[in-house]
């Protein structure tokens, strides 16, 4: 199966493009259209456990919230001594229960390949978190790294965006895709064309055909591009 959504959902500039009415109604409007969302704000400030529980109560059955790991873990610590952060993260994820999606771990773009550090992190992280690792530095694109992810059941995050390597690699039952925009010069910029989206729809069908579950999130939120692109891709997939 495939779940299509956006990275974040609280964007004032989506008012009139997708949202109508007060912000208090936006989550329900979003969940009426999509069955998944990527929580992006958790990267900047990790929510309290009670906040995750409140989202769980508001999300409909069958909906999944993917959660982005905090920058304290990925950017400040760069995965060093991750145990304290992992304890805090897993407490929050437990509160989502049946609404819990994957954990997306975006590494710092200047963090070069360090197999020992990644191995320690993956070994400490419970597999039930369904981790997807987004490598921003090109040194990580290596068969030995992919093999490590496979051993730990972690997904390689497939990326689309300016100057990011687009490697169509499945390392786990989950395939996680982040679509950061088609602009070749500016990350998060531009709107995907129908031809672009048809190409991604075909890739998603191929992954589904080999038994993978696919999560794909659009991160080009400017001017409502992400939500429009997500709706179009969903329609192309017949969802």
C-alpha atoms as a PDB file:
ATOM      1  CA  UNK A   1       0.000   0.000   0.000  1.00  0.00           C
ATOM      2  CA  UNK A   2       1.010   3.621  -0.401  1.00  0.00           C
ATOM      3  CA  UNK A   3       0.364   6.601   1.837  1.00  0.00           C
ATOM      4  CA  UNK A   4       0.740  10.062   0.341  1.00  0.00           C
ATOM      5  CA  UNK A   5       0.853  13.273   2.367  1.00  0.00           C
ATOM      6  CA  UNK A   6       2.765  16.425   3.170  1.00  0.00           C
ATOM      7  CA  UNK A   7       5.557  17.374   5.537  1.00  0.00           C
ATOM      8  CA  UNK A   8       3.628  19.403   8.082  1.00  0.00           C
ATOM      9  CA  UNK A   9       0.084  20.660   7.770  1.00  0.00           C
ATOM     10  CA  UNK A  10      -0.071  24.001   9.615  1.00  0.00           C
ATOM     11  CA  UNK A  11       0.788  26.523   6.900  1.00  0.00           C
ATOM     12  CA  UNK A  12      -1.061  29.863   6.849  1.00  0.00           C
ATOM     13  CA  UNK A  13      -0.346  30.257   3.132  1.00  0.00           C
ATOM     14  CA  UNK A  14      -2.500  27.181   2.455  1.00  0.00           C
ATOM     15  CA  UNK A  15      -5.526  29.158   3.567  1.00  0.00           C
ATOM     16  CA  UNK A  16      -7.753  29.524   0.510  1.00  0.00           C
ATOM     17  CA  UNK A  17      -5.616  27.026  -1.410  1.00  0.00           C
ATOM     18  CA  UNK A  18      -6.635  24.031   0.697  1.00  0.00           C
ATOM     19  CA  UNK A  19      -7.952  25.235   4.044  1.00  0.00           C
ATOM     20  CA  UNK A  20     -11.143  27.106   4.817  1.00  0.00           C
ATOM     21  CA  UNK A  21     -12.251  28.318   8.200  1.00  0.00           C
ATOM     22  CA  UNK A  22     -10.272  28.655  11.450  1.00  0.00           C
ATOM     23  CA  UNK A  23      -6.957  26.904  12.083  1.00  0.00           C
ATOM     24  CA  UNK A  24      -8.617  24.711  14.709  1.00  0.00           C
ATOM     25  CA  UNK A  25     -10.362  22.921  11.813  1.00  0.00           C
ATOM     26  CA  UNK A  26      -7.288  22.410   9.625  1.00  0.00           C
ATOM     27  CA  UNK A  27      -6.272  19.006  10.957  1.00  0.00           C
ATOM     28  CA  UNK A  28      -9.736  17.589  10.366  1.00  0.00           C
ATOM     29  CA  UNK A  29      -9.748  19.073   6.851  1.00  0.00           C
ATOM     30  CA  UNK A  30      -6.356  17.528   6.200  1.00  0.00           C
ATOM     31  CA  UNK A  31      -7.378  14.074   7.453  1.00  0.00           C
ATOM     32  CA  UNK A  32     -10.498  14.181   5.285  1.00  0.00           C
ATOM     33  CA  UNK A  33      -8.200  14.220   2.219  1.00  0.00           C
ATOM     34  CA  UNK A  34      -5.105  12.274   3.335  1.00  0.00           C
ATOM     35  CA  UNK A  35      -4.355   9.182   5.407  1.00  0.00           C
ATOM     36  CA  UNK A  36      -0.850  10.222   6.520  1.00  0.00           C
ATOM     37  CA  UNK A  37       1.177  13.271   7.505  1.00  0.00           C
ATOM     38  CA  UNK A  38       4.787  13.895   8.431  1.00  0.00           C
ATOM     39  CA  UNK A  39       5.145  15.813  11.689  1.00  0.00           C
ATOM     40  CA  UNK A  40       7.863  18.331  10.834  1.00  0.00           C
ATOM     41  CA  UNK A  41       7.665  20.623  13.888  1.00  0.00           C
ATOM     42  CA  UNK A  42       9.096  17.875  16.106  1.00  0.00           C
ATOM     43  CA  UNK A  43      12.470  18.529  14.469  1.00  0.00           C
ATOM     44  CA  UNK A  44      12.581  22.042  15.911  1.00  0.00           C
ATOM     45  CA  UNK A  45      10.933  21.379  19.267  1.00  0.00           C
ATOM     46  CA  UNK A  46      10.106  17.924  20.525  1.00  0.00           C
ATOM     47  CA  UNK A  47       6.480  17.844  21.754  1.00  0.00           C
ATOM     48  CA  UNK A  48       5.420  16.777  25.223  1.00  0.00           C
ATOM     49  CA  UNK A  49       4.049  13.250  25.571  1.00  0.00           C
ATOM     50  CA  UNK A  50       0.594  14.692  26.207  1.00  0.00           C
ATOM     51  CA  UNK A  51       0.704  16.469  22.856  1.00  0.00           C
ATOM     52  CA  UNK A  52       1.198  13.180  21.046  1.00  0.00           C
ATOM     53  CA  UNK A  53      -1.718  11.717  22.999  1.00  0.00           C
ATOM     54  CA  UNK A  54      -3.896  14.672  21.976  1.00  0.00           C
ATOM     55  CA  UNK A  55      -3.045  14.130  18.300  1.00  0.00           C
ATOM     56  CA  UNK A  56      -3.832  10.426  18.684  1.00  0.00           C
ATOM     57  CA  UNK A  57      -7.300  11.297  19.944  1.00  0.00           C
ATOM     58  CA  UNK A  58      -7.935  13.684  17.029  1.00  0.00           C
ATOM     59  CA  UNK A  59      -6.669  11.461  14.219  1.00  0.00           C
ATOM     60  CA  UNK A  60      -9.140   9.069  12.559  1.00  0.00           C
ATOM     61  CA  UNK A  61      -8.731   5.310  12.545  1.00  0.00           C
ATOM     62  CA  UNK A  62      -6.382   4.168   9.804  1.00  0.00           C
ATOM     63  CA  UNK A  63      -4.438   7.453   9.730  1.00  0.00           C
ATOM     64  CA  UNK A  64      -0.690   7.459  10.401  1.00  0.00           C
ATOM     65  CA  UNK A  65       1.515  10.285  11.637  1.00  0.00           C
ATOM     66  CA  UNK A  66       5.177   9.937  10.649  1.00  0.00           C
ATOM     67  CA  UNK A  67       7.411  11.822  13.067  1.00  0.00           C
ATOM     68  CA  UNK A  68      10.644  13.676  12.351  1.00  0.00           C
ATOM     69  CA  UNK A  69      13.422  13.084  14.867  1.00  0.00           C
ATOM     70  CA  UNK A  70      14.573  16.139  16.857  1.00  0.00           C
ATOM     71  CA  UNK A  71      17.511  18.213  15.681  1.00  0.00           C
ATOM     72  CA  UNK A  72      19.019  17.869  19.159  1.00  0.00           C
ATOM     73  CA  UNK A  73      19.696  14.252  18.221  1.00  0.00           C
ATOM     74  CA  UNK A  74      20.486  14.615  14.526  1.00  0.00           C
ATOM     75  CA  UNK A  75      22.134  18.039  14.248  1.00  0.00           C
ATOM     76  CA  UNK A  76      23.450  19.034  17.684  1.00  0.00           C
ATOM     77  CA  UNK A  77      24.602  15.566  18.790  1.00  0.00           C
ATOM     78  CA  UNK A  78      24.864  14.116  15.271  1.00  0.00           C
ATOM     79  CA  UNK A  79      23.765  10.743  16.666  1.00  0.00           C
ATOM     80  CA  UNK A  80      26.438  10.695  19.410  1.00  0.00           C
ATOM     81  CA  UNK A  81      25.287   9.096  22.693  1.00  0.00           C
ATOM     82  CA  UNK A  82      21.715   8.822  21.405  1.00  0.00           C
ATOM     83  CA  UNK A  83      20.221   6.879  24.313  1.00  0.00           C
ATOM     84  CA  UNK A  84      18.744   9.855  26.211  1.00  0.00           C
ATOM     85  CA  UNK A  85      17.099  11.224  23.099  1.00  0.00           C
ATOM     86  CA  UNK A  86      15.868   7.780  22.067  1.00  0.00           C
ATOM     87  CA  UNK A  87      14.164   7.353  25.439  1.00  0.00           C
ATOM     88  CA  UNK A  88      12.373  10.677  25.027  1.00  0.00           C
ATOM     89  CA  UNK A  89      11.419   9.992  21.414  1.00  0.00           C
ATOM     90  CA  UNK A  90      10.019   6.541  22.096  1.00  0.00           C
ATOM     91  CA  UNK A  91       7.869   7.839  24.955  1.00  0.00           C
ATOM     92  CA  UNK A  92       6.213  10.269  22.569  1.00  0.00           C
ATOM     93  CA  UNK A  93       5.795   7.688  19.832  1.00  0.00           C
ATOM     94  CA  UNK A  94       4.172   5.262  22.267  1.00  0.00           C
ATOM     95  CA  UNK A  95       1.448   7.843  22.869  1.00  0.00           C
ATOM     96  CA  UNK A  96       0.452   7.761  19.186  1.00  0.00           C
ATOM     97  CA  UNK A  97      -0.213   4.000  19.434  1.00  0.00           C
ATOM     98  CA  UNK A  98      -2.366   2.923  16.477  1.00  0.00           C
ATOM     99  CA  UNK A  99      -1.802   6.242  14.716  1.00  0.00           C
ATOM    100  CA  UNK A 100       1.996   5.927  14.820  1.00  0.00           C
ATOM    101  CA  UNK A 101       3.824   6.101  11.501  1.00  0.00           C
ATOM    102  CA  UNK A 102       7.564   5.800  10.780  1.00  0.00           C
ATOM    103  CA  UNK A 103      10.327   7.828  12.420  1.00  0.00           C
ATOM    104  CA  UNK A 104      12.219   9.947   9.859  1.00  0.00           C
ATOM    105  CA  UNK A 105      15.794  10.715  10.901  1.00  0.00           C
ATOM    106  CA  UNK A 106      17.289  13.532   8.790  1.00  0.00           C
ATOM    107  CA  UNK A 107      21.035  13.804   9.266  1.00  0.00           C
ATOM    108  CA  UNK A 108      22.954  17.087   9.126  1.00  0.00           C
ATOM    109  CA  UNK A 109      24.107  17.860   5.548  1.00  0.00           C
ATOM    110  CA  UNK A 110      27.695  18.262   6.778  1.00  0.00           C
ATOM    111  CA  UNK A 111      27.659  14.926   8.618  1.00  0.00           C
ATOM    112  CA  UNK A 112      29.925  12.666   6.618  1.00  0.00           C
ATOM    113  CA  UNK A 113      29.771   8.906   6.648  1.00  0.00           C
ATOM    114  CA  UNK A 114      30.558   7.310  10.012  1.00  0.00           C
ATOM    115  CA  UNK A 115      29.591   3.661   9.991  1.00  0.00           C
ATOM    116  CA  UNK A 116      30.335   3.053  13.673  1.00  0.00           C
ATOM    117  CA  UNK A 117      28.155   5.949  14.810  1.00  0.00           C
ATOM    118  CA  UNK A 118      25.262   4.914  12.585  1.00  0.00           C
ATOM    119  CA  UNK A 119      25.575   1.269  13.663  1.00  0.00           C
ATOM    120  CA  UNK A 120      25.425   2.275  17.344  1.00  0.00           C
ATOM    121  CA  UNK A 121      22.366   4.446  16.737  1.00  0.00           C
ATOM    122  CA  UNK A 122      20.467   1.796  14.782  1.00  0.00           C
ATOM    123  CA  UNK A 123      21.283  -0.856  17.383  1.00  0.00           C
ATOM    124  CA  UNK A 124      19.943   1.390  20.161  1.00  0.00           C
ATOM    125  CA  UNK A 125      16.765   2.334  18.287  1.00  0.00           C
ATOM    126  CA  UNK A 126      13.835  -0.092  18.666  1.00  0.00           C
ATOM    127  CA  UNK A 127      12.782  -1.587  15.329  1.00  0.00           C
ATOM    128  CA  UNK A 128       9.127  -0.891  16.100  1.00  0.00           C
ATOM    129  CA  UNK A 129       9.890   2.785  15.453  1.00  0.00           C
ATOM    130  CA  UNK A 130      10.197   1.867  11.737  1.00  0.00           C
ATOM    131  CA  UNK A 131      13.099   4.255  11.151  1.00  0.00           C
ATOM    132  CA  UNK A 132      13.888   5.897   7.826  1.00  0.00           C
ATOM    133  CA  UNK A 133      17.283   7.577   7.548  1.00  0.00           C
ATOM    134  CA  UNK A 134      17.711  10.627   5.315  1.00  0.00           C
ATOM    135  CA  UNK A 135      21.378  11.084   4.414  1.00  0.00           C
ATOM    136  CA  UNK A 136      22.120  14.590   3.174  1.00  0.00           C
ATOM    137  CA  UNK A 137      25.888  14.081   2.650  1.00  0.00           C
ATOM    138  CA  UNK A 138      26.783  12.104  -0.496  1.00  0.00           C
ATOM    139  CA  UNK A 139      29.449  10.033   1.277  1.00  0.00           C
ATOM    140  CA  UNK A 140      26.691   7.838   2.733  1.00  0.00           C
ATOM    141  CA  UNK A 141      25.576   6.559  -0.665  1.00  0.00           C
ATOM    142  CA  UNK A 142      27.407   3.231  -0.533  1.00  0.00           C
ATOM    143  CA  UNK A 143      26.423  -0.432  -0.680  1.00  0.00           C
ATOM    144  CA  UNK A 144      27.945  -1.075   2.767  1.00  0.00           C
ATOM    145  CA  UNK A 145      25.658   1.573   4.284  1.00  0.00           C
ATOM    146  CA  UNK A 146      22.640   0.095   2.512  1.00  0.00           C
ATOM    147  CA  UNK A 147      23.592  -3.335   3.866  1.00  0.00           C
ATOM    148  CA  UNK A 148      23.746  -1.908   7.397  1.00  0.00           C
ATOM    149  CA  UNK A 149      20.272  -0.465   7.028  1.00  0.00           C
ATOM    150  CA  UNK A 150      18.998  -3.813   5.778  1.00  0.00           C
ATOM    151  CA  UNK A 151      20.454  -5.616   8.800  1.00  0.00           C
ATOM    152  CA  UNK A 152      18.605  -3.279  11.133  1.00  0.00           C
ATOM    153  CA  UNK A 153      15.359  -3.134   9.148  1.00  0.00           C
ATOM    154  CA  UNK A 154      15.789   0.605   8.590  1.00  0.00           C
ATOM    155  CA  UNK A 155      14.592   2.317   5.436  1.00  0.00           C
ATOM    156  CA  UNK A 156      16.846   4.407   3.232  1.00  0.00           C
ATOM    157  CA  UNK A 157      15.015   7.688   2.651  1.00  0.00           C
ATOM    158  CA  UNK A 158      14.625   8.298  -1.075  1.00  0.00           C
ATOM    159  CA  UNK A 159      14.975  12.026  -1.798  1.00  0.00           C
ATOM    160  CA  UNK A 160      13.976  14.382  -4.565  1.00  0.00           C
ATOM    161  CA  UNK A 161      15.353  17.922  -4.398  1.00  0.00           C
ATOM    162  CA  UNK A 162      18.026  20.377  -5.479  1.00  0.00           C
ATOM    163  CA  UNK A 163      21.499  18.813  -5.407  1.00  0.00           C
ATOM    164  CA  UNK A 164      20.275  15.831  -3.367  1.00  0.00           C
ATOM    165  CA  UNK A 165      21.098  12.347  -4.665  1.00  0.00           C
ATOM    166  CA  UNK A 166      17.961  10.557  -5.865  1.00  0.00           C
ATOM    167  CA  UNK A 167      18.746   6.893  -5.183  1.00  0.00           C
ATOM    168  CA  UNK A 168      15.849   4.488  -5.657  1.00  0.00           C
ATOM    169  CA  UNK A 169      16.907   1.979  -3.021  1.00  0.00           C
ATOM    170  CA  UNK A 170      14.670  -0.149  -0.800  1.00  0.00           C
ATOM    171  CA  UNK A 171      16.412  -1.453   2.335  1.00  0.00           C
ATOM    172  CA  UNK A 172      13.363  -2.389   4.441  1.00  0.00           C
ATOM    173  CA  UNK A 173       9.712  -3.388   4.031  1.00  0.00           C
ATOM    174  CA  UNK A 174       9.045   0.364   4.217  1.00  0.00           C
ATOM    175  CA  UNK A 175      10.043   2.705   1.394  1.00  0.00           C
ATOM    176  CA  UNK A 176      10.084   6.320   2.594  1.00  0.00           C
ATOM    177  CA  UNK A 177      10.146   9.136   0.024  1.00  0.00           C
ATOM    178  CA  UNK A 178      10.620  12.856   0.711  1.00  0.00           C
ATOM    179  CA  UNK A 179       9.832  15.156  -2.204  1.00  0.00           C
ATOM    180  CA  UNK A 180      11.569  18.455  -1.520  1.00  0.00           C
ATOM    181  CA  UNK A 181      10.606  20.161  -4.770  1.00  0.00           C
ATOM    182  CA  UNK A 182      11.716  20.072  -8.420  1.00  0.00           C
ATOM    183  CA  UNK A 183      13.621  23.386  -8.482  1.00  0.00           C
ATOM    184  CA  UNK A 184      17.216  22.423  -9.418  1.00  0.00           C
ATOM    185  CA  UNK A 185      18.710  25.364  -7.507  1.00  0.00           C
ATOM    186  CA  UNK A 186      16.500  25.909  -4.479  1.00  0.00           C
ATOM    187  CA  UNK A 187      15.555  23.205  -2.013  1.00  0.00           C
ATOM    188  CA  UNK A 188      11.833  23.116  -1.199  1.00  0.00           C
ATOM    189  CA  UNK A 189      11.068  25.210  -4.302  1.00  0.00           C
ATOM    190  CA  UNK A 190       8.764  24.695  -7.249  1.00  0.00           C
ATOM    191  CA  UNK A 191       5.798  22.534  -8.139  1.00  0.00           C
ATOM    192  CA  UNK A 192       6.122  19.088  -9.688  1.00  0.00           C
ATOM    193  CA  UNK A 193       4.674  18.767 -13.181  1.00  0.00           C
ATOM    194  CA  UNK A 194       2.141  16.101 -14.040  1.00  0.00           C
ATOM    195  CA  UNK A 195       4.892  14.267 -15.937  1.00  0.00           C
ATOM    196  CA  UNK A 196       7.102  14.355 -12.809  1.00  0.00           C
ATOM    197  CA  UNK A 197       4.284  13.021 -10.671  1.00  0.00           C
ATOM    198  CA  UNK A 198       3.408  10.306 -13.192  1.00  0.00           C
ATOM    199  CA  UNK A 199       7.047   9.156 -13.010  1.00  0.00           C
ATOM    200  CA  UNK A 200       6.878   8.964  -9.212  1.00  0.00           C
ATOM    201  CA  UNK A 201       3.530   7.168  -9.392  1.00  0.00           C
ATOM    202  CA  UNK A 202       5.174   4.489 -11.540  1.00  0.00           C
ATOM    203  CA  UNK A 203       8.039   4.106  -9.071  1.00  0.00           C
ATOM    204  CA  UNK A 204       5.564   3.746  -6.210  1.00  0.00           C
ATOM    205  CA  UNK A 205       3.625   1.083  -8.111  1.00  0.00           C
ATOM    206  CA  UNK A 206       6.874  -0.804  -8.695  1.00  0.00           C
ATOM    207  CA  UNK A 207       7.673  -0.771  -4.972  1.00  0.00           C
ATOM    208  CA  UNK A 208       4.142  -1.829  -4.121  1.00  0.00           C
ATOM    209  CA  UNK A 209       4.452  -4.624  -6.668  1.00  0.00           C
ATOM    210  CA  UNK A 210       7.427  -6.037  -4.772  1.00  0.00           C
ATOM    211  CA  UNK A 211       5.516  -6.032  -1.479  1.00  0.00           C
ATOM    212  CA  UNK A 212       6.761  -2.761  -0.007  1.00  0.00           C
ATOM    213  CA  UNK A 213       4.724  -0.235   1.940  1.00  0.00           C
ATOM    214  CA  UNK A 214       5.403   3.272   0.649  1.00  0.00           C
ATOM    215  CA  UNK A 215       5.164   6.585   2.465  1.00  0.00           C
ATOM    216  CA  UNK A 216       5.702   9.679   0.288  1.00  0.00           C
ATOM    217  CA  UNK A 217       5.625  13.231   1.665  1.00  0.00           C
ATOM    218  CA  UNK A 218       5.853  16.518  -0.202  1.00  0.00           C
ATOM    219  CA  UNK A 219       7.974  19.228   1.442  1.00  0.00           C
ATOM    220  CA  UNK A 220       7.631  22.010  -1.157  1.00  0.00           C
ATOM    221  CA  UNK A 221       4.985  23.825   0.874  1.00  0.00           C
ATOM    222  CA  UNK A 222       5.376  27.282  -0.695  1.00  0.00           C
ATOM    223  CA  UNK A 223       2.240  28.590  -2.453  1.00  0.00           C
ATOM    224  CA  UNK A 224       0.472  25.375  -1.546  1.00  0.00           C
ATOM    225  CA  UNK A 225       2.569  23.332  -3.977  1.00  0.00           C
ATOM    226  CA  UNK A 226       2.989  20.412  -1.583  1.00  0.00           C
ATOM    227  CA  UNK A 227      -0.689  19.874  -0.938  1.00  0.00           C
ATOM    228  CA  UNK A 228      -1.626  20.280  -4.612  1.00  0.00           C
ATOM    229  CA  UNK A 229       1.114  17.878  -5.699  1.00  0.00           C
ATOM    230  CA  UNK A 230       0.101  15.350  -3.041  1.00  0.00           C
ATOM    231  CA  UNK A 231      -3.531  15.413  -4.149  1.00  0.00           C
ATOM    232  CA  UNK A 232      -2.513  14.927  -7.791  1.00  0.00           C
ATOM    233  CA  UNK A 233      -0.224  12.000  -6.976  1.00  0.00           C
ATOM    234  CA  UNK A 234      -2.956  10.383  -4.902  1.00  0.00           C
ATOM    235  CA  UNK A 235      -5.363  10.639  -7.811  1.00  0.00           C
ATOM    236  CA  UNK A 236      -2.793   9.141 -10.178  1.00  0.00           C
ATOM    237  CA  UNK A 237      -2.428   6.166  -7.829  1.00  0.00           C
ATOM    238  CA  UNK A 238      -6.177   5.785  -7.576  1.00  0.00           C
ATOM    239  CA  UNK A 239      -6.170   6.538  -3.872  1.00  0.00           C
END
